[in-house]
């Protein structure tokens, strides 16, 4: 058999070997464990292109019709699958490999497989309508008429190639910096075979004049070379869009991949919750979204605060370089959500501050009475005067009160667990009965029901009542009643100056020499443990007015009734000192 030799045969054999070499290099250069969907589809694309170009060269070189027909059928083992493989490569490259499932892959291959199954027998001329030899110069070429199944496969292939090219080009447009050069190669690889195929199909330009020879497999191999340079020269597969999407898609922490200019190349889904949609992020500097990034060390970390889902989120931002063989390609930035850890840290810091306050208060307020007890004990021993014993007992009573309040403060009101509807009047009556001070009068206006821990609410009213008594020499009247979004406690004492209103709830703050400075701090902690707020407001007279807000209340009086219950408390004398 005398084989035909033409320049096209050598060109096709050369491109076939080039594609085969690219595929083998990819197999050797990438370990089995690192063969991502993009790597695998790249290897498959090289194999299909090599098979198509090589068998096409054999078909042109074959001298007889039967040999040409046999080679023509063999070349479709590569050509028929170029479309699905091309689309699979594009999906993988653009981070959409999740679409390649056990269901979608067989669906993509259905038309090419049907063509190959029908090719040997050509039932009802579904594949070919006629086959003949045409001579151009001294070379005989195979001329075929396409059947409906063949035309369907051709249209299907074009559709898949166009779709894949659109994905690759779209990804390339969104890339920036150094990755943009890589993406340019990818875009060129997508455009070249598509353009050449159209020129040949519609007999346009110099390639259309060739007529008998289809140079599409040559252009396909050119594409694999472009892809190969992008993959191995620029390490495209070590960076994005493969890195974050294939490896880090399921990670709960945010991952941002940057080029050497600090522009965002890719993000994983978790990042979108913190910084916004991927399309709006790609190609923009990370510092535009996280200003703290601009001051970050080359390989360091910092704590940043962002808004996520309408709430404040704290992120630990850590940057690591992406380099290989001494060449840096960008940075990977990890956005770790440490909101809960930060909340716990701040809570621990607040508790430590409270412990410091305890230590300060204890060291100050116990040292003095202990010194008094020690001094008067010496006087009582030396003189035998019982009046010194009375001073010791009074001082010990003050210490007992102080220790009880210190215990209350250490609980911080956090034991608010027994929440139930309670009557403000009923709780006020309990407080009045417990204090039993003849100088104290409590009036409750318009009883309301609120959901609270009754015991802790009683403690709030008790401390506010005692605070009023402690700051008045003689009789004092209190009014307790509902206000906007809560309730109030108001007395007719000397009041609290505006300059002191921001400090009255601080641990240890008091205006009395014998005061502990704990009573109002206890009130604040219990109120906040309920989820409420407390503040000092302007009273109707000169006295102090405390308003507790954020409380859900319900009026329990009859419609239109103006109920005021007066509690005159005048029984047993108070046996303990007031709290503030």
Protein backbone atom coordinates (compact mmCIF):
# COMPACT_ATOMS: atom_id res chain seq x y z
CA UNK A 1 0.00 0.00 0.00
CA UNK A 2 1.39 3.35 -1.05
CA UNK A 3 0.61 6.03 1.58
CA UNK A 4 0.00 9.59 0.48
CA UNK A 5 2.28 12.28 1.83
CA UNK A 6 1.26 15.90 2.10
CA UNK A 7 2.30 18.78 4.36
CA UNK A 8 -1.06 18.38 6.15
CA UNK A 9 -0.13 14.86 7.21
CA UNK A 10 3.09 16.02 8.82
CA UNK A 11 1.34 19.00 10.46
CA UNK A 12 -1.38 16.77 11.89
CA UNK A 13 1.12 14.18 13.16
CA UNK A 14 3.18 16.94 14.77
CA UNK A 15 0.16 18.45 16.52
CA UNK A 16 -0.95 14.97 17.62
CA UNK A 17 2.44 14.33 19.24
CA UNK A 18 2.38 17.81 20.81
CA UNK A 19 -0.99 17.18 22.43
CA UNK A 20 0.11 13.74 23.57
CA UNK A 21 3.26 15.23 25.11
CA UNK A 22 1.22 17.86 26.96
CA UNK A 23 -1.05 15.19 28.39
CA UNK A 24 1.84 12.94 29.43
CA UNK A 25 3.65 15.89 31.00
CA UNK A 26 0.52 16.68 33.02
CA UNK A 27 0.32 13.06 34.19
CA UNK A 28 3.97 13.09 35.24
CA UNK A 29 4.04 16.59 36.74
CA UNK A 30 0.95 16.27 38.93
CA UNK A 31 0.78 13.59 41.59
CA UNK A 32 -2.23 11.30 41.67
CA UNK A 33 -3.53 12.91 44.84
CA UNK A 34 -3.33 16.38 43.26
CA UNK A 35 -5.27 15.55 40.12
CA UNK A 36 -8.22 17.87 40.52
CA UNK A 37 -11.15 17.80 38.07
CA UNK A 38 -9.39 20.53 36.08
CA UNK A 39 -6.21 18.47 35.75
CA UNK A 40 -8.10 15.34 34.79
CA UNK A 41 -10.20 17.09 32.15
CA UNK A 42 -7.07 18.82 30.79
CA UNK A 43 -5.42 15.41 30.34
CA UNK A 44 -8.59 14.06 28.69
CA UNK A 45 -8.68 17.07 26.34
CA UNK A 46 -5.07 16.45 25.33
CA UNK A 47 -5.84 12.77 24.69
CA UNK A 48 -8.92 13.58 22.57
CA UNK A 49 -7.02 16.21 20.56
CA UNK A 50 -4.07 13.88 20.02
CA UNK A 51 -6.31 11.01 18.87
CA UNK A 52 -8.30 13.28 16.57
CA UNK A 53 -5.24 14.84 14.90
CA UNK A 54 -3.34 11.52 14.61
CA UNK A 55 -6.18 9.50 13.09
CA UNK A 56 -7.05 12.42 10.81
CA UNK A 57 -3.46 12.32 9.53
CA UNK A 58 -3.85 8.59 8.91
CA UNK A 59 -7.10 9.20 7.05
CA UNK A 60 -5.47 11.72 4.71
CA UNK A 61 -2.43 9.48 4.17
CA UNK A 62 -4.51 6.34 3.47
CA UNK A 63 -4.68 5.68 -0.31
CA UNK A 64 -7.90 3.60 -0.50
CA UNK A 65 -11.52 4.38 0.26
CA UNK A 66 -11.89 1.54 2.78
CA UNK A 67 -8.79 2.62 4.69
CA UNK A 68 -9.97 6.21 4.76
CA UNK A 69 -13.44 5.19 6.01
CA UNK A 70 -11.87 3.08 8.77
CA UNK A 71 -9.63 5.99 9.83
CA UNK A 72 -12.60 8.37 9.58
CA UNK A 73 -14.54 6.25 12.04
CA UNK A 74 -11.55 6.01 14.39
CA UNK A 75 -10.95 9.77 14.48
CA UNK A 76 -14.42 10.26 15.96
CA UNK A 77 -13.29 8.36 19.06
CA UNK A 78 -11.52 11.62 19.83
CA UNK A 79 -13.46 14.24 17.85
CA UNK A 80 -16.93 13.22 19.05
CA UNK A 81 -15.93 13.74 22.72
CA UNK A 82 -14.15 17.06 22.32
CA UNK A 83 -17.33 19.05 23.06
CA UNK A 84 -18.23 17.33 26.38
CA UNK A 85 -14.60 17.25 27.53
CA UNK A 86 -14.14 20.91 26.63
CA UNK A 87 -17.23 21.91 28.65
CA UNK A 88 -16.13 19.74 31.58
CA UNK A 89 -12.73 21.46 31.54
CA UNK A 90 -14.39 24.89 31.48
CA UNK A 91 -16.71 23.97 34.35
CA UNK A 92 -13.81 22.71 36.43
CA UNK A 93 -11.64 25.72 35.66
CA UNK A 94 -14.38 28.16 36.68
CA UNK A 95 -15.09 26.34 39.92
CA UNK A 96 -18.27 24.58 38.80
CA UNK A 97 -17.02 21.00 38.92
CA UNK A 98 -19.91 20.20 41.26
CA UNK A 99 -22.08 20.14 38.13
CA UNK A 100 -20.13 17.12 36.88
CA UNK A 101 -22.09 14.38 38.63
CA UNK A 102 -22.86 10.75 37.89
CA UNK A 103 -26.05 11.95 36.25
CA UNK A 104 -24.83 14.92 34.21
CA UNK A 105 -21.67 13.29 32.80
CA UNK A 106 -23.52 10.40 31.10
CA UNK A 107 -26.06 12.94 29.80
CA UNK A 108 -23.25 15.00 28.26
CA UNK A 109 -21.85 11.91 26.57
CA UNK A 110 -25.17 10.59 25.25
CA UNK A 111 -25.05 12.19 21.77
CA UNK A 112 -21.37 11.29 21.02
CA UNK A 113 -21.92 7.72 22.23
CA UNK A 114 -25.02 7.40 20.03
CA UNK A 115 -22.97 8.59 17.05
CA UNK A 116 -20.20 6.05 17.70
CA UNK A 117 -22.69 3.21 18.19
CA UNK A 118 -24.44 4.02 14.89
CA UNK A 119 -21.24 4.65 12.93
CA UNK A 120 -20.25 1.03 12.03
CA UNK A 121 -23.67 0.07 10.57
CA UNK A 122 -24.98 3.55 9.67
CA UNK A 123 -28.68 2.56 9.97
CA UNK A 124 -31.03 4.54 7.75
CA UNK A 125 -28.06 6.73 6.77
CA UNK A 126 -28.23 8.42 10.19
CA UNK A 127 -24.49 9.10 10.21
CA UNK A 128 -23.40 9.36 6.58
CA UNK A 129 -25.50 9.78 3.45
CA UNK A 130 -22.73 9.16 0.92
CA UNK A 131 -18.96 8.52 0.85
CA UNK A 132 -16.58 9.13 -2.06
CA UNK A 133 -13.05 10.08 -3.00
CA UNK A 134 -12.17 13.45 -4.47
CA UNK A 135 -8.80 14.29 -5.93
CA UNK A 136 -6.96 17.54 -5.40
CA UNK A 137 -3.72 17.59 -7.26
CA UNK A 138 -2.09 14.21 -6.67
CA UNK A 139 -3.86 13.60 -3.34
CA UNK A 140 -7.14 11.77 -2.83
CA UNK A 141 -9.38 13.08 -0.03
CA UNK A 142 -12.47 11.56 1.58
CA UNK A 143 -15.73 13.38 0.85
CA UNK A 144 -18.76 12.56 2.99
CA UNK A 145 -22.39 13.58 3.23
CA UNK A 146 -23.61 14.11 6.79
CA UNK A 147 -26.71 12.32 8.07
CA UNK A 148 -29.09 13.76 10.71
CA UNK A 149 -27.33 12.15 13.68
CA UNK A 150 -23.97 13.42 12.49
CA UNK A 151 -25.37 16.94 12.05
CA UNK A 152 -26.93 16.73 15.52
CA UNK A 153 -23.58 15.77 17.00
CA UNK A 154 -21.84 18.59 15.09
CA UNK A 155 -24.34 21.19 16.36
CA UNK A 156 -24.15 19.70 19.86
CA UNK A 157 -20.35 19.93 19.81
CA UNK A 158 -20.42 23.56 18.71
CA UNK A 159 -22.93 24.37 21.44
CA UNK A 160 -20.76 22.80 24.14
CA UNK A 161 -17.57 24.41 22.86
CA UNK A 162 -19.20 27.84 22.70
CA UNK A 163 -20.61 27.41 26.22
CA UNK A 164 -17.25 26.31 27.59
CA UNK A 165 -15.43 29.15 25.82
CA UNK A 166 -17.91 31.66 27.30
CA UNK A 167 -17.23 30.34 30.81
CA UNK A 168 -13.44 30.53 30.37
CA UNK A 169 -13.53 34.00 28.82
CA UNK A 170 -15.91 35.25 31.49
CA UNK A 171 -13.61 33.98 34.24
CA UNK A 172 -10.64 35.58 32.49
CA UNK A 173 -12.32 38.99 32.35
CA UNK A 174 -12.91 38.94 36.11
CA UNK A 175 -9.31 38.02 36.92
CA UNK A 176 -6.73 40.64 37.84
CA UNK A 177 -2.98 41.26 38.10
CA UNK A 178 -0.69 38.33 37.53
CA UNK A 179 -3.55 35.88 37.22
CA UNK A 180 -4.91 37.97 34.34
CA UNK A 181 -1.90 36.94 32.23
CA UNK A 182 -2.66 33.34 32.96
CA UNK A 183 -6.32 33.93 32.21
CA UNK A 184 -5.35 35.56 28.90
CA UNK A 185 -3.77 32.31 27.80
CA UNK A 186 -6.90 30.46 28.82
CA UNK A 187 -9.08 32.88 26.84
CA UNK A 188 -6.83 32.58 23.77
CA UNK A 189 -7.00 28.81 24.01
CA UNK A 190 -10.79 29.03 24.06
CA UNK A 191 -11.08 31.38 21.09
CA UNK A 192 -8.54 29.89 18.63
CA UNK A 193 -10.24 26.56 17.77
CA UNK A 194 -13.67 28.15 17.78
CA UNK A 195 -12.65 30.87 15.36
CA UNK A 196 -10.75 28.51 13.04
CA UNK A 197 -13.63 26.05 12.99
CA UNK A 198 -16.07 28.75 11.95
CA UNK A 199 -13.73 29.97 9.21
CA UNK A 200 -13.47 26.43 7.84
CA UNK A 201 -17.19 25.70 8.21
CA UNK A 202 -18.24 28.77 6.23
CA UNK A 203 -15.20 28.75 3.84
CA UNK A 204 -14.02 32.16 5.08
CA UNK A 205 -10.52 33.54 4.82
CA UNK A 206 -7.39 31.59 3.93
CA UNK A 207 -8.36 28.57 6.04
CA UNK A 208 -11.62 28.20 4.20
CA UNK A 209 -9.73 27.91 0.91
CA UNK A 210 -8.10 24.69 2.06
CA UNK A 211 -11.42 23.02 1.43
CA UNK A 212 -10.63 19.34 1.74
CA UNK A 213 -8.65 19.60 5.02
CA UNK A 214 -10.21 20.52 8.38
CA UNK A 215 -7.58 22.22 10.53
CA UNK A 216 -9.80 22.30 13.65
CA UNK A 217 -7.80 19.50 15.35
CA UNK A 218 -4.64 21.53 14.78
CA UNK A 219 -6.23 24.56 16.46
CA UNK A 220 -7.45 22.34 19.29
CA UNK A 221 -3.90 21.23 19.96
CA UNK A 222 -2.81 24.88 19.92
CA UNK A 223 -5.41 25.39 22.67
CA UNK A 224 -3.98 22.57 24.76
CA UNK A 225 -0.55 24.19 24.46
CA UNK A 226 -1.95 27.50 25.71
CA UNK A 227 -3.71 25.69 28.53
CA UNK A 228 -0.55 23.74 29.34
CA UNK A 229 1.54 26.91 29.62
CA UNK A 230 -1.11 28.45 31.89
CA UNK A 231 -1.26 25.30 34.00
CA UNK A 232 2.43 24.56 34.40
CA UNK A 233 4.34 27.74 33.57
CA UNK A 234 2.15 30.00 35.70
CA UNK A 235 1.05 27.34 38.16
CA UNK A 236 -2.57 28.18 37.50
CA UNK A 237 -3.77 25.02 39.15
CA UNK A 238 -1.87 25.88 42.34
CA UNK A 239 -3.83 29.12 42.61
CA UNK A 240 -7.32 30.15 41.78
CA UNK A 241 -9.84 29.56 40.59
CA UNK A 242 -9.01 25.97 41.57
CA UNK A 243 -7.57 26.47 45.07
CA UNK A 244 -10.42 27.95 47.03
CA UNK A 245 -13.27 26.38 45.16
CA UNK A 246 -12.08 22.80 44.92
CA UNK A 247 -10.20 22.53 48.21
CA UNK A 248 -11.89 25.12 50.41
CA UNK A 249 -15.52 25.24 49.32
CA UNK A 250 -16.74 23.39 52.39
CA UNK A 251 -14.62 25.27 54.94
CA UNK A 252 -16.66 27.35 57.39
CA UNK A 253 -14.01 30.07 57.60
CA UNK A 254 -13.71 32.65 54.85
CA UNK A 255 -10.82 32.27 52.38
CA UNK A 256 -9.74 35.06 50.03
CA UNK A 257 -7.09 34.51 47.34
CA UNK A 258 -5.21 37.63 46.24
CA UNK A 259 -2.82 38.34 43.42
CA UNK A 260 0.48 40.15 43.99
CA UNK A 261 -1.28 43.52 43.71
CA UNK A 262 -3.61 42.74 46.60
CA UNK A 263 -6.66 42.37 44.34
CA UNK A 264 -9.18 39.62 45.04
CA UNK A 265 -8.86 36.72 42.62
CA UNK A 266 -11.33 34.38 44.24
CA UNK A 267 -13.31 33.80 47.43
CA UNK A 268 -15.02 30.79 48.95
CA UNK A 269 -18.75 30.78 49.86
CA UNK A 270 -18.07 31.50 53.56
CA UNK A 271 -16.40 34.81 52.65
CA UNK A 272 -19.55 36.07 50.94
CA UNK A 273 -21.37 36.07 54.28
CA UNK A 274 -18.82 38.53 55.68
CA UNK A 275 -17.80 40.69 52.69
CA UNK A 276 -20.61 40.42 50.12
CA UNK A 277 -21.24 38.65 46.83
CA UNK A 278 -18.41 37.08 44.85
CA UNK A 279 -19.11 39.03 41.66
CA UNK A 280 -18.76 42.34 43.51
CA UNK A 281 -15.51 41.24 45.19
CA UNK A 282 -13.53 39.78 42.28
CA UNK A 283 -10.97 42.22 40.91
CA UNK A 284 -11.24 44.72 43.77
CA UNK A 285 -8.57 45.33 46.46
CA UNK A 286 -9.27 43.54 49.73
CA UNK A 287 -8.40 46.75 51.58
CA UNK A 288 -11.53 48.34 50.06
CA UNK A 289 -13.64 45.88 52.05
CA UNK A 290 -11.37 45.38 55.08
CA UNK A 291 -9.33 48.57 55.63
CA UNK A 292 -7.25 46.87 58.33
CA UNK A 293 -5.70 44.64 55.67
CA UNK A 294 -3.59 47.54 54.37
CA UNK A 295 -1.65 47.65 57.64
CA UNK A 296 -1.18 43.90 57.99
CA UNK A 297 2.33 42.42 58.10
CA UNK A 298 3.55 40.25 55.24
CA UNK A 299 2.61 37.12 57.18
CA UNK A 300 0.64 38.28 60.19
CA UNK A 301 -2.85 38.46 61.66
CA UNK A 302 -5.20 41.05 63.09
CA UNK A 303 -8.72 41.25 64.53
CA UNK A 304 -11.30 43.08 62.43
CA UNK A 305 -14.99 43.82 62.91
CA UNK A 306 -17.51 43.56 60.07
CA UNK A 307 -21.28 43.37 59.74
CA UNK A 308 -22.67 39.96 58.81
CA UNK A 309 -26.38 39.21 58.49
CA UNK A 310 -27.18 42.50 60.18
CA UNK A 311 -25.04 41.72 63.23
CA UNK A 312 -21.51 42.57 64.30
CA UNK A 313 -18.99 39.82 63.58
CA UNK A 314 -15.37 39.61 64.70
CA UNK A 315 -12.89 38.03 62.30
CA UNK A 316 -9.31 36.94 62.84
CA UNK A 317 -7.64 37.96 59.59
CA UNK A 318 -4.50 35.95 58.75
CA UNK A 319 -2.39 36.29 55.60
CA UNK A 320 -0.03 33.69 54.14
CA UNK A 321 2.07 33.97 50.96
CA UNK A 322 1.41 31.71 47.99
CA UNK A 323 4.72 30.84 46.37
CA UNK A 324 6.39 27.96 44.59
CA UNK A 325 10.05 27.53 43.69
CA UNK A 326 10.91 31.03 44.88
CA UNK A 327 8.20 32.74 42.82
CA UNK A 328 5.35 34.46 44.64
CA UNK A 329 1.92 34.34 43.04
CA UNK A 330 -0.13 36.16 45.66
CA UNK A 331 -1.54 35.63 49.14
CA UNK A 332 -4.19 33.52 50.81
CA UNK A 333 -6.14 35.37 53.50
CA UNK A 334 -8.08 33.40 56.10
CA UNK A 335 -11.10 35.07 57.72
CA UNK A 336 -11.77 33.06 60.85
CA UNK A 337 -15.04 33.84 62.64
CA UNK A 338 -14.08 34.43 66.28
CA UNK A 339 -17.25 36.29 67.28
CA UNK A 340 -18.11 33.85 70.05
CA UNK A 341 -14.52 33.72 71.29
CA UNK A 342 -14.36 37.52 71.32
CA UNK A 343 -17.63 37.69 73.24
CA UNK A 344 -16.25 35.24 75.80
CA UNK A 345 -12.99 37.18 75.99
CA UNK A 346 -14.80 40.42 76.66
CA UNK A 347 -17.01 38.75 79.24
CA UNK A 348 -13.94 37.33 80.96
CA UNK A 349 -12.31 40.75 80.83
CA UNK A 350 -15.40 42.29 82.41
CA UNK A 351 -15.38 39.64 85.14
CA UNK A 352 -11.72 40.28 85.80
CA UNK A 353 -12.46 43.99 86.10
CA UNK A 354 -15.23 43.14 88.55
CA UNK A 355 -12.84 41.00 90.57
CA UNK A 356 -10.44 43.93 90.67
CA UNK A 357 -13.30 46.09 91.90
CA UNK A 358 -14.13 43.50 94.55
CA UNK A 359 -10.55 43.45 95.72
CA UNK A 360 -10.43 47.23 95.88
CA UNK A 361 -13.74 47.51 97.73
CA UNK A 362 -12.94 44.69 100.15
CA UNK A 363 -9.49 45.99 100.96
CA UNK A 364 -10.85 49.50 101.59
CA UNK A 365 -14.21 48.83 103.26
CA UNK A 366 -13.07 46.00 105.54
CA UNK A 367 -9.76 47.48 106.59
CA UNK A 368 -11.35 50.53 108.23
CA UNK A 369 -14.05 48.73 110.29
CA UNK A 370 -11.54 46.08 111.35
CA UNK A 371 -9.28 48.85 112.58
CA UNK A 372 -12.23 50.38 114.48
CA UNK A 373 -13.10 47.03 116.08
CA UNK A 374 -9.48 46.43 117.01
CA UNK A 375 -9.15 49.90 118.57
CA UNK A 376 -12.37 49.81 120.54
CA UNK A 377 -11.64 46.26 121.71
CA UNK A 378 -8.44 47.60 123.26
CA UNK A 379 -10.38 50.46 124.86
CA UNK A 380 -13.05 48.11 126.20
CA UNK A 381 -10.39 45.87 127.70
CA UNK A 382 -8.53 48.80 129.26
CA UNK A 383 -11.52 50.78 130.53
CA UNK A 384 -14.32 48.26 130.88
CA UNK A 385 -16.74 50.87 129.45
CA UNK A 386 -19.69 48.99 127.78
CA UNK A 387 -20.17 51.88 125.34
CA UNK A 388 -17.12 50.61 123.47
CA UNK A 389 -18.79 47.24 123.07
CA UNK A 390 -21.79 49.00 121.42
CA UNK A 391 -19.46 50.60 118.88
CA UNK A 392 -17.90 47.22 118.14
CA UNK A 393 -21.34 45.65 117.62
CA UNK A 394 -22.47 48.48 115.31
CA UNK A 395 -19.29 48.17 113.29
CA UNK A 396 -19.69 44.39 113.05
CA UNK A 397 -23.28 44.91 111.84
CA UNK A 398 -22.00 47.21 109.10
CA UNK A 399 -19.47 44.56 108.07
CA UNK A 400 -22.21 41.92 108.00
CA UNK A 401 -24.33 44.12 105.71
CA UNK A 402 -21.34 44.78 103.51
CA UNK A 403 -20.56 41.08 103.14
CA UNK A 404 -24.17 40.27 102.27
CA UNK A 405 -24.19 42.91 99.55
CA UNK A 406 -20.83 41.72 98.30
CA UNK A 407 -22.32 38.23 97.95
CA UNK A 408 -25.27 39.67 96.01
CA UNK A 409 -22.94 41.55 93.73
CA UNK A 410 -20.82 38.46 93.07
CA UNK A 411 -23.96 36.74 91.78
CA UNK A 412 -24.34 39.63 89.30
CA UNK A 413 -28.04 38.96 88.84
CA UNK A 414 -27.15 36.12 86.47
CA UNK A 415 -29.43 33.77 88.41
CA UNK A 416 -32.50 35.19 86.68
CA UNK A 417 -34.09 31.87 85.86
CA UNK A 418 -37.59 31.76 87.38
CA UNK A 419 -39.36 34.12 84.98
CA UNK A 420 -43.11 34.48 85.50
CA UNK A 421 -45.82 37.16 85.42
CA UNK A 422 -45.67 39.18 88.65
CA UNK A 423 -47.57 42.17 90.04
CA UNK A 424 -45.52 45.29 90.69
CA UNK A 425 -47.80 46.17 93.64
CA UNK A 426 -47.43 42.75 95.23
CA UNK A 427 -43.63 42.87 95.03
CA UNK A 428 -43.61 46.42 96.46
CA UNK A 429 -45.75 45.23 99.41
CA UNK A 430 -43.24 42.45 100.15
CA UNK A 431 -40.40 44.96 100.12
CA UNK A 432 -42.27 47.33 102.44
CA UNK A 433 -43.01 44.55 104.92
CA UNK A 434 -39.35 43.50 104.93
CA UNK A 435 -37.92 47.00 105.46
CA UNK A 436 -40.47 48.03 108.16
CA UNK A 437 -39.17 51.59 108.51
CA UNK A 438 -41.66 54.05 110.13
CA UNK A 439 -40.12 56.90 108.13
CA UNK A 440 -40.76 55.19 104.77
CA UNK A 441 -43.99 55.59 102.78
CA UNK A 442 -44.45 53.77 99.45
CA UNK A 443 -47.21 54.60 96.93
CA UNK A 444 -47.86 52.30 93.96
CA UNK A 445 -49.66 53.93 91.02
CA UNK A 446 -51.46 51.87 88.38
CA UNK A 447 -50.37 48.34 89.14
CA UNK A 448 -48.87 46.50 86.14
CA UNK A 449 -47.92 42.92 85.44
CA UNK A 450 -44.45 42.14 84.08
CA UNK A 451 -42.49 39.00 83.38
CA UNK A 452 -39.59 38.77 85.83
CA UNK A 453 -37.77 36.69 88.41
CA UNK A 454 -39.85 37.73 91.43
CA UNK A 455 -37.07 37.28 93.97
CA UNK A 456 -34.57 39.33 91.97
CA UNK A 457 -37.14 42.04 91.16
CA UNK A 458 -37.86 42.26 94.89
CA UNK A 459 -34.14 42.74 95.45
CA UNK A 460 -34.14 45.66 92.95
CA UNK A 461 -37.01 47.46 94.69
CA UNK A 462 -35.55 46.71 98.12
CA UNK A 463 -32.19 48.26 97.25
CA UNK A 464 -33.81 51.34 95.67
CA UNK A 465 -35.99 51.86 98.72
CA UNK A 466 -33.06 51.50 101.11
CA UNK A 467 -30.99 53.83 98.93
CA UNK A 468 -33.71 56.50 99.31
CA UNK A 469 -33.85 56.02 103.10
CA UNK A 470 -30.07 56.28 103.43
CA UNK A 471 -29.94 59.68 101.73
CA UNK A 472 -32.73 61.36 103.72
CA UNK A 473 -32.66 62.40 107.37
CA UNK A 474 -36.24 61.77 108.42
CA UNK A 475 -39.34 60.70 106.50
CA UNK A 476 -39.15 59.82 102.83
CA UNK A 477 -41.87 58.95 100.32
CA UNK A 478 -41.47 56.74 97.25
CA UNK A 479 -43.73 56.31 94.25
CA UNK A 480 -43.54 53.16 92.13
CA UNK A 481 -45.46 52.90 88.88
CA UNK A 482 -45.45 52.24 85.13
CA UNK A 483 -43.71 54.46 82.61
CA UNK A 484 -43.07 54.26 78.89
CA UNK A 485 -41.55 50.83 78.17
CA UNK A 486 -41.21 49.85 81.86
CA UNK A 487 -41.60 51.18 85.39
CA UNK A 488 -40.06 53.82 87.66
CA UNK A 489 -39.14 54.32 91.33
CA UNK A 490 -39.12 57.96 92.47
CA UNK A 491 -38.45 59.50 95.90
CA UNK A 492 -38.83 62.97 97.36
CA UNK A 493 -35.30 63.16 98.74
CA UNK A 494 -32.46 65.49 97.76
CA UNK A 495 -32.02 63.82 94.38
CA UNK A 496 -28.90 63.04 92.35
CA UNK A 497 -26.96 65.79 90.64
CA UNK A 498 -26.63 65.49 86.84
CA UNK A 499 -22.83 65.25 87.20
CA UNK A 500 -23.17 62.08 89.31
CA UNK A 501 -25.84 60.26 87.32
CA UNK A 502 -23.41 58.38 85.10
CA UNK A 503 -21.45 57.08 88.11
CA UNK A 504 -24.09 56.02 90.63
CA UNK A 505 -24.17 52.45 89.30
CA UNK A 506 -20.38 51.96 89.48
CA UNK A 507 -19.05 49.49 92.02
CA UNK A 508 -17.79 51.34 95.11
CA UNK A 509 -19.34 54.71 94.24
CA UNK A 510 -21.09 56.34 97.23
CA UNK A 511 -21.71 59.82 98.62
CA UNK A 512 -21.96 58.62 102.22
CA UNK A 513 -18.95 58.06 104.42
CA UNK A 514 -20.40 54.83 105.79
CA UNK A 515 -21.80 53.62 102.44
CA UNK A 516 -20.59 50.46 100.70
CA UNK A 517 -21.11 51.64 97.13
CA UNK A 518 -22.63 48.29 96.14
CA UNK A 519 -26.41 48.72 96.36
CA UNK A 520 -27.07 50.45 93.04
CA UNK A 521 -24.47 48.29 91.27
CA UNK A 522 -26.47 45.25 92.37
CA UNK A 523 -29.64 46.90 91.03
CA UNK A 524 -28.03 47.50 87.63
CA UNK A 525 -26.75 43.93 87.31
CA UNK A 526 -30.12 42.36 88.12
CA UNK A 527 -31.91 44.70 85.72
CA UNK A 528 -29.46 43.90 82.89
CA UNK A 529 -29.70 40.17 83.62
CA UNK A 530 -33.43 40.50 82.80
CA UNK A 531 -32.50 42.15 79.50
CA UNK A 532 -33.71 45.54 80.72
CA UNK A 533 -31.97 48.91 81.16
CA UNK A 534 -31.89 51.34 84.06
CA UNK A 535 -31.06 55.03 84.14
CA UNK A 536 -31.39 58.05 86.41
CA UNK A 537 -33.98 60.47 85.02
CA UNK A 538 -35.43 63.85 85.95
CA UNK A 539 -37.96 63.50 88.75
CA UNK A 540 -41.21 65.40 89.10
CA UNK A 541 -39.74 67.13 92.16
CA UNK A 542 -36.25 67.44 93.56
CA UNK A 543 -35.89 63.74 94.35
CA UNK A 544 -34.19 60.88 92.52
CA UNK A 545 -36.05 58.96 89.80
CA UNK A 546 -34.88 55.61 88.46
CA UNK A 547 -36.47 54.33 85.25
CA UNK A 548 -36.27 50.67 84.21
CA UNK A 549 -37.00 50.28 80.49
CA UNK A 550 -37.18 47.48 77.95
CA UNK A 551 -39.84 45.76 80.10
CA UNK A 552 -43.00 44.25 78.68
CA UNK A 553 -45.80 45.40 80.99
CA UNK A 554 -49.57 44.90 81.08
CA UNK A 555 -51.96 47.10 83.04
CA UNK A 556 -53.99 45.01 85.50
CA UNK A 557 -56.30 47.81 86.72
CA UNK A 558 -59.90 48.07 85.53
CA UNK A 559 -60.38 50.18 82.36
CA UNK A 560 -60.49 53.84 83.29
CA UNK A 561 -59.57 53.22 86.92
CA UNK A 562 -56.91 55.33 88.60
CA UNK A 563 -55.61 53.03 91.29
CA UNK A 564 -53.06 54.11 93.85
CA UNK A 565 -52.20 51.85 96.79
CA UNK A 566 -50.44 53.49 99.73
CA UNK A 567 -48.30 51.38 102.00
CA UNK A 568 -47.59 52.91 105.44
CA UNK A 569 -44.79 50.91 106.90
CA UNK A 570 -44.42 51.40 110.62
CA UNK A 571 -43.63 48.39 112.67
CA UNK A 572 -40.27 47.01 113.72
CA UNK A 573 -37.19 49.26 113.54
CA UNK A 574 -34.62 48.53 110.85
CA UNK A 575 -31.90 46.23 112.11
CA UNK A 576 -29.43 46.73 109.32
CA UNK A 577 -27.79 49.63 107.55
CA UNK A 578 -28.85 50.84 104.10
CA UNK A 579 -27.06 49.65 101.08
CA UNK A 580 -25.77 52.28 98.76
